[in-house]
Amino acid sequence: MHTLCCIKLKKPEKLFGVIMNPEALVLLLLPALGSIYFMIGGGIPLIAEQGAGAAFWTARDNLPAFQNKYSQRLQRANENFKETLPHAVSLLLLVQFLGLNNEISAAGGWIYFGARVVYIPIYFFGIPLIRSFVWAISVAGLVMVSWPIIGAL
């Protein structure tokens, strides 16, 4: 057990019989979160506004923009997630390959992941200041993941 700011982190963890550290577990969960973002940011609003026919049985070349403000918000949340995801994956992989993962990078990975989960309902309900704060927390998590890399330079 390791302790970081009164939080006990187990390292490494065992999942499906494979020993995995927290950063690798976050990497494993990010595609699932990305699928959720994809569905709520595109698939579900498209079906709700245009119908299943437009979503599944057409080429979707000339679909109109989403009209519902909630659909638009979810689409923007999805776009925002897609902007930060490559940075998160790159940093998490880099800290793994360099063998620099530690308690700070582990906590940073989970902070990023948790903030991105919380970001969905905050954006959906249109809470602007809190939305920006949660986004900043996710970026702070990425800075924490990169901290051991920066320290090794």
N, C-alpha and C. Protein backbone atom coordinates (compact mmCIF):
# COMPACT_ATOMS: atom_id res chain seq x y z
N MET A 1 0.84 -1.19 0.00
CA MET A 1 0.00 0.00 0.00
C MET A 1 0.88 1.25 0.00
N HIS A 2 0.47 2.19 -0.79
CA HIS A 2 1.12 3.49 -0.84
C HIS A 2 0.11 4.53 -0.41
N THR A 3 0.59 5.63 0.16
CA THR A 3 -0.31 6.68 0.60
C THR A 3 0.02 7.97 -0.13
N LEU A 4 -1.01 8.62 -0.62
CA LEU A 4 -0.87 9.91 -1.29
C LEU A 4 -1.98 10.80 -0.79
N CYS A 5 -1.63 11.86 -0.07
CA CYS A 5 -2.62 12.81 0.44
C CYS A 5 -3.76 12.08 1.17
N CYS A 6 -3.43 11.21 2.06
CA CYS A 6 -4.41 10.47 2.87
C CYS A 6 -5.23 9.47 2.05
N ILE A 7 -4.86 9.19 0.81
CA ILE A 7 -5.54 8.20 -0.02
C ILE A 7 -4.63 6.99 -0.13
N LYS A 8 -5.14 5.84 0.22
CA LYS A 8 -4.34 4.63 0.11
C LYS A 8 -4.53 4.03 -1.28
N LEU A 9 -3.43 3.87 -1.98
CA LEU A 9 -3.45 3.29 -3.32
C LEU A 9 -2.83 1.91 -3.28
N LYS A 10 -3.53 0.94 -3.83
CA LYS A 10 -2.96 -0.39 -3.96
C LYS A 10 -2.18 -0.44 -5.26
N LYS A 11 -0.99 -0.98 -5.21
CA LYS A 11 -0.18 -1.04 -6.40
C LYS A 11 0.69 -2.27 -6.34
N PRO A 12 0.70 -3.13 -7.28
CA PRO A 12 -0.18 -3.23 -8.44
C PRO A 12 -1.48 -3.93 -8.10
N GLU A 13 -2.45 -3.87 -9.00
CA GLU A 13 -3.73 -4.52 -8.82
C GLU A 13 -3.81 -5.73 -9.73
N LYS A 14 -4.66 -6.68 -9.36
CA LYS A 14 -4.81 -7.88 -10.17
C LYS A 14 -6.19 -7.86 -10.79
N LEU A 15 -6.25 -7.97 -12.10
CA LEU A 15 -7.51 -7.97 -12.84
C LEU A 15 -7.47 -9.13 -13.82
N PHE A 16 -8.45 -10.01 -13.70
CA PHE A 16 -8.53 -11.19 -14.57
C PHE A 16 -7.24 -12.00 -14.51
N GLY A 17 -6.63 -12.07 -13.34
CA GLY A 17 -5.42 -12.85 -13.18
C GLY A 17 -4.16 -12.18 -13.70
N VAL A 18 -4.28 -10.94 -14.17
CA VAL A 18 -3.13 -10.21 -14.70
C VAL A 18 -2.78 -9.10 -13.74
N ILE A 19 -1.51 -9.01 -13.39
CA ILE A 19 -1.09 -7.93 -12.51
C ILE A 19 -1.03 -6.65 -13.33
N MET A 20 -1.69 -5.63 -12.81
CA MET A 20 -1.85 -4.40 -13.57
C MET A 20 -1.73 -3.22 -12.60
N ASN A 21 -0.95 -2.22 -12.97
CA ASN A 21 -0.87 -1.05 -12.11
C ASN A 21 -2.02 -0.10 -12.43
N PRO A 22 -2.24 0.91 -11.60
CA PRO A 22 -3.41 1.79 -11.79
C PRO A 22 -3.43 2.51 -13.13
N GLU A 23 -2.28 2.93 -13.63
CA GLU A 23 -2.26 3.62 -14.92
C GLU A 23 -2.73 2.69 -16.04
N ALA A 24 -2.31 1.44 -15.99
CA ALA A 24 -2.74 0.48 -17.02
C ALA A 24 -4.24 0.20 -16.91
N LEU A 25 -4.76 0.19 -15.69
CA LEU A 25 -6.19 -0.03 -15.51
C LEU A 25 -6.99 1.14 -16.08
N VAL A 26 -6.51 2.36 -15.88
CA VAL A 26 -7.17 3.53 -16.47
C VAL A 26 -7.13 3.42 -18.00
N LEU A 27 -5.98 3.02 -18.54
CA LEU A 27 -5.87 2.83 -19.99
C LEU A 27 -6.87 1.79 -20.49
N LEU A 28 -7.09 0.76 -19.70
CA LEU A 28 -8.04 -0.29 -20.07
C LEU A 28 -9.48 0.23 -20.06
N LEU A 29 -9.79 1.14 -19.14
CA LEU A 29 -11.15 1.66 -18.99
C LEU A 29 -11.47 2.82 -19.94
N LEU A 30 -10.46 3.50 -20.45
CA LEU A 30 -10.72 4.66 -21.31
C LEU A 30 -11.51 4.32 -22.58
N PRO A 31 -11.27 3.20 -23.25
CA PRO A 31 -12.12 2.89 -24.42
C PRO A 31 -13.59 2.69 -24.05
N ALA A 32 -13.86 2.14 -22.88
CA ALA A 32 -15.25 1.99 -22.44
C ALA A 32 -15.88 3.36 -22.23
N LEU A 33 -15.14 4.26 -21.59
CA LEU A 33 -15.65 5.61 -21.39
C LEU A 33 -15.81 6.32 -22.74
N GLY A 34 -14.87 6.10 -23.64
CA GLY A 34 -14.99 6.69 -24.98
C GLY A 34 -16.22 6.20 -25.71
N SER A 35 -16.57 4.93 -25.53
CA SER A 35 -17.78 4.39 -26.16
C SER A 35 -19.03 5.06 -25.60
N ILE A 36 -19.02 5.32 -24.30
CA ILE A 36 -20.16 6.01 -23.68
C ILE A 36 -20.27 7.42 -24.26
N TYR A 37 -19.14 8.12 -24.33
CA TYR A 37 -19.16 9.46 -24.92
C TYR A 37 -19.65 9.42 -26.36
N PHE A 38 -19.20 8.44 -27.13
CA PHE A 38 -19.61 8.32 -28.53
C PHE A 38 -21.12 8.13 -28.64
N MET A 39 -21.66 7.26 -27.81
CA MET A 39 -23.10 6.99 -27.88
C MET A 39 -23.93 8.20 -27.44
N ILE A 40 -23.54 8.83 -26.32
CA ILE A 40 -24.35 9.95 -25.85
C ILE A 40 -24.09 11.22 -26.65
N GLY A 41 -22.94 11.30 -27.31
CA GLY A 41 -22.62 12.50 -28.07
C GLY A 41 -22.98 12.43 -29.53
N GLY A 42 -23.43 11.28 -29.99
CA GLY A 42 -23.75 11.16 -31.40
C GLY A 42 -24.88 10.21 -31.68
N GLY A 43 -24.73 8.98 -31.26
CA GLY A 43 -25.71 7.94 -31.59
C GLY A 43 -27.08 8.15 -31.00
N ILE A 44 -27.15 8.35 -29.71
CA ILE A 44 -28.45 8.50 -29.04
C ILE A 44 -29.16 9.78 -29.48
N PRO A 45 -28.48 10.94 -29.51
CA PRO A 45 -29.17 12.15 -30.00
C PRO A 45 -29.61 12.03 -31.45
N LEU A 46 -28.82 11.36 -32.28
CA LEU A 46 -29.20 11.18 -33.68
C LEU A 46 -30.48 10.36 -33.79
N ILE A 47 -30.56 9.28 -33.04
CA ILE A 47 -31.77 8.46 -33.05
C ILE A 47 -32.95 9.25 -32.51
N ALA A 48 -32.73 10.02 -31.43
CA ALA A 48 -33.82 10.79 -30.82
C ALA A 48 -34.35 11.87 -31.76
N GLU A 49 -33.46 12.53 -32.50
CA GLU A 49 -33.90 13.65 -33.35
C GLU A 49 -34.25 13.24 -34.77
N GLN A 50 -33.53 12.30 -35.33
CA GLN A 50 -33.73 11.95 -36.74
C GLN A 50 -34.39 10.59 -36.94
N GLY A 51 -34.44 9.80 -35.89
CA GLY A 51 -35.03 8.47 -35.99
C GLY A 51 -34.00 7.41 -36.31
N ALA A 52 -34.38 6.16 -36.06
CA ALA A 52 -33.46 5.04 -36.28
C ALA A 52 -33.08 4.90 -37.75
N GLY A 53 -34.00 5.25 -38.64
CA GLY A 53 -33.70 5.15 -40.07
C GLY A 53 -32.52 6.01 -40.46
N ALA A 54 -32.49 7.24 -39.97
CA ALA A 54 -31.39 8.14 -40.29
C ALA A 54 -30.08 7.65 -39.67
N ALA A 55 -30.20 7.04 -38.50
CA ALA A 55 -29.00 6.59 -37.81
C ALA A 55 -28.40 5.32 -38.41
N PHE A 56 -29.26 4.41 -38.83
CA PHE A 56 -28.76 3.09 -39.22
C PHE A 56 -28.85 2.78 -40.71
N TRP A 57 -29.79 3.38 -41.44
CA TRP A 57 -30.06 2.92 -42.80
C TRP A 57 -29.78 3.95 -43.88
N THR A 58 -29.07 5.00 -43.53
CA THR A 58 -28.70 5.99 -44.55
C THR A 58 -27.19 6.24 -44.47
N ALA A 59 -26.67 6.93 -45.46
CA ALA A 59 -25.25 7.27 -45.47
C ALA A 59 -24.94 8.44 -44.54
N ARG A 60 -25.96 9.13 -44.06
CA ARG A 60 -25.83 10.26 -43.14
C ARG A 60 -24.98 11.39 -43.72
N ASP A 61 -25.06 11.58 -45.04
CA ASP A 61 -24.26 12.62 -45.68
C ASP A 61 -24.76 14.03 -45.38
N ASN A 62 -26.06 14.24 -45.36
CA ASN A 62 -26.62 15.59 -45.24
C ASN A 62 -27.56 15.72 -44.05
N LEU A 63 -27.17 15.19 -42.93
CA LEU A 63 -28.02 15.32 -41.75
C LEU A 63 -27.95 16.74 -41.21
N PRO A 64 -29.06 17.28 -40.77
CA PRO A 64 -29.03 18.62 -40.16
C PRO A 64 -28.36 18.55 -38.79
N ALA A 65 -27.89 19.71 -38.34
CA ALA A 65 -27.29 19.78 -37.01
C ALA A 65 -28.36 19.48 -35.96
N PHE A 66 -27.90 19.03 -34.81
CA PHE A 66 -28.83 18.76 -33.72
C PHE A 66 -29.58 20.04 -33.35
N GLN A 67 -30.88 19.93 -33.13
CA GLN A 67 -31.71 21.07 -32.77
C GLN A 67 -31.89 21.20 -31.26
N ASN A 68 -31.94 20.09 -30.58
CA ASN A 68 -32.17 20.07 -29.14
C ASN A 68 -30.91 20.54 -28.41
N LYS A 69 -31.07 21.43 -27.44
CA LYS A 69 -29.89 21.96 -26.75
C LYS A 69 -29.15 20.87 -25.98
N TYR A 70 -29.87 19.86 -25.49
CA TYR A 70 -29.21 18.78 -24.76
C TYR A 70 -28.39 17.91 -25.71
N SER A 71 -28.91 17.67 -26.89
CA SER A 71 -28.15 16.92 -27.90
C SER A 71 -26.90 17.69 -28.29
N GLN A 72 -27.03 19.00 -28.44
CA GLN A 72 -25.88 19.83 -28.79
C GLN A 72 -24.83 19.80 -27.68
N ARG A 73 -25.28 19.84 -26.43
CA ARG A 73 -24.35 19.79 -25.30
C ARG A 73 -23.60 18.47 -25.27
N LEU A 74 -24.33 17.38 -25.46
CA LEU A 74 -23.69 16.07 -25.44
C LEU A 74 -22.71 15.92 -26.59
N GLN A 75 -23.04 16.49 -27.73
CA GLN A 75 -22.12 16.45 -28.86
C GLN A 75 -20.85 17.24 -28.54
N ARG A 76 -20.99 18.40 -27.91
CA ARG A 76 -19.82 19.19 -27.53
C ARG A 76 -18.98 18.48 -26.46
N ALA A 77 -19.64 17.82 -25.52
CA ALA A 77 -18.91 17.05 -24.50
C ALA A 77 -18.10 15.94 -25.16
N ASN A 78 -18.69 15.28 -26.14
CA ASN A 78 -17.99 14.23 -26.87
C ASN A 78 -16.78 14.79 -27.60
N GLU A 79 -16.96 15.92 -28.26
CA GLU A 79 -15.84 16.55 -28.98
C GLU A 79 -14.73 16.93 -28.01
N ASN A 80 -15.10 17.46 -26.85
CA ASN A 80 -14.11 17.84 -25.86
C ASN A 80 -13.34 16.62 -25.36
N PHE A 81 -14.05 15.52 -25.14
CA PHE A 81 -13.38 14.29 -24.69
C PHE A 81 -12.38 13.82 -25.75
N LYS A 82 -12.79 13.88 -27.01
CA LYS A 82 -11.91 13.44 -28.09
C LYS A 82 -10.67 14.33 -28.21
N GLU A 83 -10.76 15.57 -27.73
CA GLU A 83 -9.60 16.46 -27.76
C GLU A 83 -8.59 16.11 -26.68
N THR A 84 -9.05 15.63 -25.52
CA THR A 84 -8.13 15.33 -24.43
C THR A 84 -7.68 13.87 -24.42
N LEU A 85 -8.45 12.98 -25.03
CA LEU A 85 -8.14 11.55 -24.98
C LEU A 85 -6.75 11.21 -25.53
N PRO A 86 -6.33 11.74 -26.68
CA PRO A 86 -4.99 11.38 -27.17
C PRO A 86 -3.88 11.78 -26.20
N HIS A 87 -4.04 12.91 -25.53
CA HIS A 87 -3.04 13.34 -24.55
C HIS A 87 -3.00 12.38 -23.37
N ALA A 88 -4.18 11.99 -22.90
CA ALA A 88 -4.25 11.07 -21.76
C ALA A 88 -3.61 9.73 -22.11
N VAL A 89 -3.97 9.18 -23.24
CA VAL A 89 -3.42 7.88 -23.65
C VAL A 89 -1.91 7.98 -23.83
N SER A 90 -1.45 9.03 -24.49
CA SER A 90 -0.01 9.21 -24.72
C SER A 90 0.75 9.29 -23.41
N LEU A 91 0.27 10.10 -22.49
CA LEU A 91 0.96 10.25 -21.22
C LEU A 91 0.93 8.98 -20.40
N LEU A 92 -0.21 8.31 -20.36
CA LEU A 92 -0.31 7.07 -19.59
C LEU A 92 0.59 5.98 -20.18
N LEU A 93 0.65 5.89 -21.49
CA LEU A 93 1.55 4.91 -22.12
C LEU A 93 3.01 5.28 -21.89
N LEU A 94 3.33 6.55 -22.01
CA LEU A 94 4.71 6.99 -21.84
C LEU A 94 5.21 6.72 -20.42
N VAL A 95 4.40 7.02 -19.44
CA VAL A 95 4.82 6.79 -18.06
C VAL A 95 4.98 5.28 -17.80
N GLN A 96 4.19 4.47 -18.50
CA GLN A 96 4.33 3.01 -18.39
C GLN A 96 5.63 2.54 -19.03
N PHE A 97 5.85 2.92 -20.28
CA PHE A 97 7.01 2.43 -21.01
C PHE A 97 8.33 2.90 -20.42
N LEU A 98 8.33 4.08 -19.85
CA LEU A 98 9.55 4.59 -19.22
C LEU A 98 9.75 4.04 -17.82
N GLY A 99 8.75 3.36 -17.30
CA GLY A 99 8.85 2.81 -15.95
C GLY A 99 8.85 3.88 -14.87
N LEU A 100 8.22 4.99 -15.15
CA LEU A 100 8.20 6.12 -14.21
C LEU A 100 6.90 6.22 -13.43
N ASN A 101 6.02 5.25 -13.58
CA ASN A 101 4.74 5.34 -12.89
C ASN A 101 4.97 5.27 -11.38
N ASN A 102 4.24 6.12 -10.68
CA ASN A 102 4.32 6.17 -9.22
C ASN A 102 2.97 6.59 -8.68
N GLU A 103 2.91 6.92 -7.40
CA GLU A 103 1.64 7.29 -6.79
C GLU A 103 1.03 8.53 -7.42
N ILE A 104 1.87 9.47 -7.81
CA ILE A 104 1.35 10.71 -8.40
C ILE A 104 0.74 10.43 -9.77
N SER A 105 1.43 9.65 -10.60
CA SER A 105 0.87 9.35 -11.92
C SER A 105 -0.38 8.48 -11.80
N ALA A 106 -0.41 7.58 -10.82
CA ALA A 106 -1.60 6.75 -10.61
C ALA A 106 -2.79 7.61 -10.19
N ALA A 107 -2.57 8.49 -9.23
CA ALA A 107 -3.65 9.37 -8.79
C ALA A 107 -4.09 10.29 -9.93
N GLY A 108 -3.14 10.78 -10.71
CA GLY A 108 -3.48 11.64 -11.84
C GLY A 108 -4.33 10.94 -12.88
N GLY A 109 -4.01 9.68 -13.16
CA GLY A 109 -4.82 8.91 -14.11
C GLY A 109 -6.25 8.75 -13.63
N TRP A 110 -6.41 8.43 -12.35
CA TRP A 110 -7.76 8.26 -11.81
C TRP A 110 -8.50 9.59 -11.72
N ILE A 111 -7.78 10.66 -11.41
CA ILE A 111 -8.42 11.98 -11.37
C ILE A 111 -8.92 12.36 -12.76
N TYR A 112 -8.10 12.15 -13.78
CA TYR A 112 -8.53 12.43 -15.15
C TYR A 112 -9.78 11.62 -15.49
N PHE A 113 -9.72 10.32 -15.23
CA PHE A 113 -10.84 9.44 -15.56
C PHE A 113 -12.11 9.86 -14.81
N GLY A 114 -11.99 10.09 -13.51
CA GLY A 114 -13.16 10.49 -12.71
C GLY A 114 -13.74 11.81 -13.15
N ALA A 115 -12.87 12.77 -13.47
CA ALA A 115 -13.36 14.08 -13.92
C ALA A 115 -14.09 13.96 -15.25
N ARG A 116 -13.60 13.08 -16.14
CA ARG A 116 -14.27 12.91 -17.43
C ARG A 116 -15.63 12.22 -17.26
N VAL A 117 -15.76 11.36 -16.26
CA VAL A 117 -17.06 10.74 -15.97
C VAL A 117 -18.02 11.80 -15.45
N VAL A 118 -17.56 12.62 -14.53
CA VAL A 118 -18.41 13.66 -13.93
C VAL A 118 -18.76 14.74 -14.96
N TYR A 119 -17.90 14.95 -15.94
CA TYR A 119 -18.09 15.99 -16.96
C TYR A 119 -19.37 15.79 -17.76
N ILE A 120 -19.75 14.54 -18.00
CA ILE A 120 -20.92 14.25 -18.84
C ILE A 120 -22.20 14.88 -18.27
N PRO A 121 -22.60 14.55 -17.03
CA PRO A 121 -23.85 15.15 -16.53
C PRO A 121 -23.74 16.65 -16.31
N ILE A 122 -22.55 17.13 -15.94
CA ILE A 122 -22.37 18.57 -15.72
C ILE A 122 -22.61 19.33 -17.03
N TYR A 123 -22.06 18.82 -18.12
CA TYR A 123 -22.25 19.46 -19.43
C TYR A 123 -23.69 19.30 -19.88
N PHE A 124 -24.28 18.13 -19.66
CA PHE A 124 -25.66 17.88 -20.08
C PHE A 124 -26.61 18.88 -19.44
N PHE A 125 -26.44 19.14 -18.15
CA PHE A 125 -27.33 20.05 -17.44
C PHE A 125 -26.93 21.51 -17.61
N GLY A 126 -25.84 21.79 -18.28
CA GLY A 126 -25.46 23.16 -18.62
C GLY A 126 -25.02 23.99 -17.44
N ILE A 127 -24.15 23.45 -16.61
CA ILE A 127 -23.65 24.17 -15.44
C ILE A 127 -22.27 24.72 -15.82
N PRO A 128 -22.21 25.98 -16.32
CA PRO A 128 -20.98 26.46 -16.95
C PRO A 128 -19.75 26.56 -16.05
N LEU A 129 -19.83 27.19 -14.90
CA LEU A 129 -18.63 27.37 -14.07
C LEU A 129 -18.12 26.03 -13.54
N ILE A 130 -19.02 25.19 -13.11
CA ILE A 130 -18.61 23.88 -12.60
C ILE A 130 -18.05 23.04 -13.74
N ARG A 131 -18.64 23.16 -14.92
CA ARG A 131 -18.14 22.42 -16.08
C ARG A 131 -16.67 22.77 -16.33
N SER A 132 -16.36 24.05 -16.31
CA SER A 132 -14.97 24.48 -16.54
C SER A 132 -14.05 24.00 -15.43
N PHE A 133 -14.56 24.01 -14.20
CA PHE A 133 -13.78 23.54 -13.06
C PHE A 133 -13.48 22.05 -13.19
N VAL A 134 -14.47 21.26 -13.57
CA VAL A 134 -14.28 19.81 -13.74
C VAL A 134 -13.30 19.55 -14.89
N TRP A 135 -13.41 20.32 -15.96
CA TRP A 135 -12.45 20.18 -17.06
C TRP A 135 -11.04 20.48 -16.56
N ALA A 136 -10.88 21.54 -15.76
CA ALA A 136 -9.57 21.90 -15.22
C ALA A 136 -9.03 20.79 -14.32
N ILE A 137 -9.90 20.14 -13.57
CA ILE A 137 -9.47 19.01 -12.74
C ILE A 137 -8.94 17.88 -13.62
N SER A 138 -9.62 17.62 -14.74
CA SER A 138 -9.14 16.56 -15.63
C SER A 138 -7.76 16.91 -16.20
N VAL A 139 -7.55 18.16 -16.53
CA VAL A 139 -6.24 18.60 -17.04
C VAL A 139 -5.20 18.50 -15.93
N ALA A 140 -5.58 18.84 -14.70
CA ALA A 140 -4.66 18.69 -13.57
C ALA A 140 -4.26 17.22 -13.40
N GLY A 141 -5.20 16.32 -13.62
CA GLY A 141 -4.88 14.90 -13.58
C GLY A 141 -3.84 14.53 -14.62
N LEU A 142 -3.97 15.09 -15.82
CA LEU A 142 -2.97 14.82 -16.87
C LEU A 142 -1.60 15.41 -16.51
N VAL A 143 -1.61 16.56 -15.87
CA VAL A 143 -0.34 17.15 -15.41
C VAL A 143 0.30 16.23 -14.37
N MET A 144 -0.52 15.66 -13.49
CA MET A 144 0.01 14.73 -12.49
C MET A 144 0.59 13.48 -13.16
N VAL A 145 -0.05 12.99 -14.21
CA VAL A 145 0.49 11.83 -14.92
C VAL A 145 1.83 12.18 -15.54
N SER A 146 1.96 13.39 -16.05
CA SER A 146 3.21 13.79 -16.71
C SER A 146 4.30 14.19 -15.71
N TRP A 147 3.94 14.39 -14.47
CA TRP A 147 4.90 14.89 -13.47
C TRP A 147 6.14 14.00 -13.35
N PRO A 148 6.02 12.68 -13.25
CA PRO A 148 7.23 11.85 -13.17
C PRO A 148 8.09 11.95 -14.44
N ILE A 149 7.46 12.15 -15.58
CA ILE A 149 8.21 12.28 -16.84
C ILE A 149 9.00 13.59 -16.82
N ILE A 150 8.34 14.66 -16.40
CA ILE A 150 9.00 15.96 -16.31
C ILE A 150 10.15 15.90 -15.31
N GLY A 151 9.91 15.22 -14.19
CA GLY A 151 10.94 15.09 -13.16
C GLY A 151 12.15 14.29 -13.63
N ALA A 152 11.96 13.41 -14.59
CA ALA A 152 13.06 12.59 -15.08
C ALA A 152 13.91 13.30 -16.12
N LEU A 153 13.44 14.45 -16.61
CA LEU A 153 14.21 15.17 -17.64
C LEU A 153 15.46 15.82 -17.08
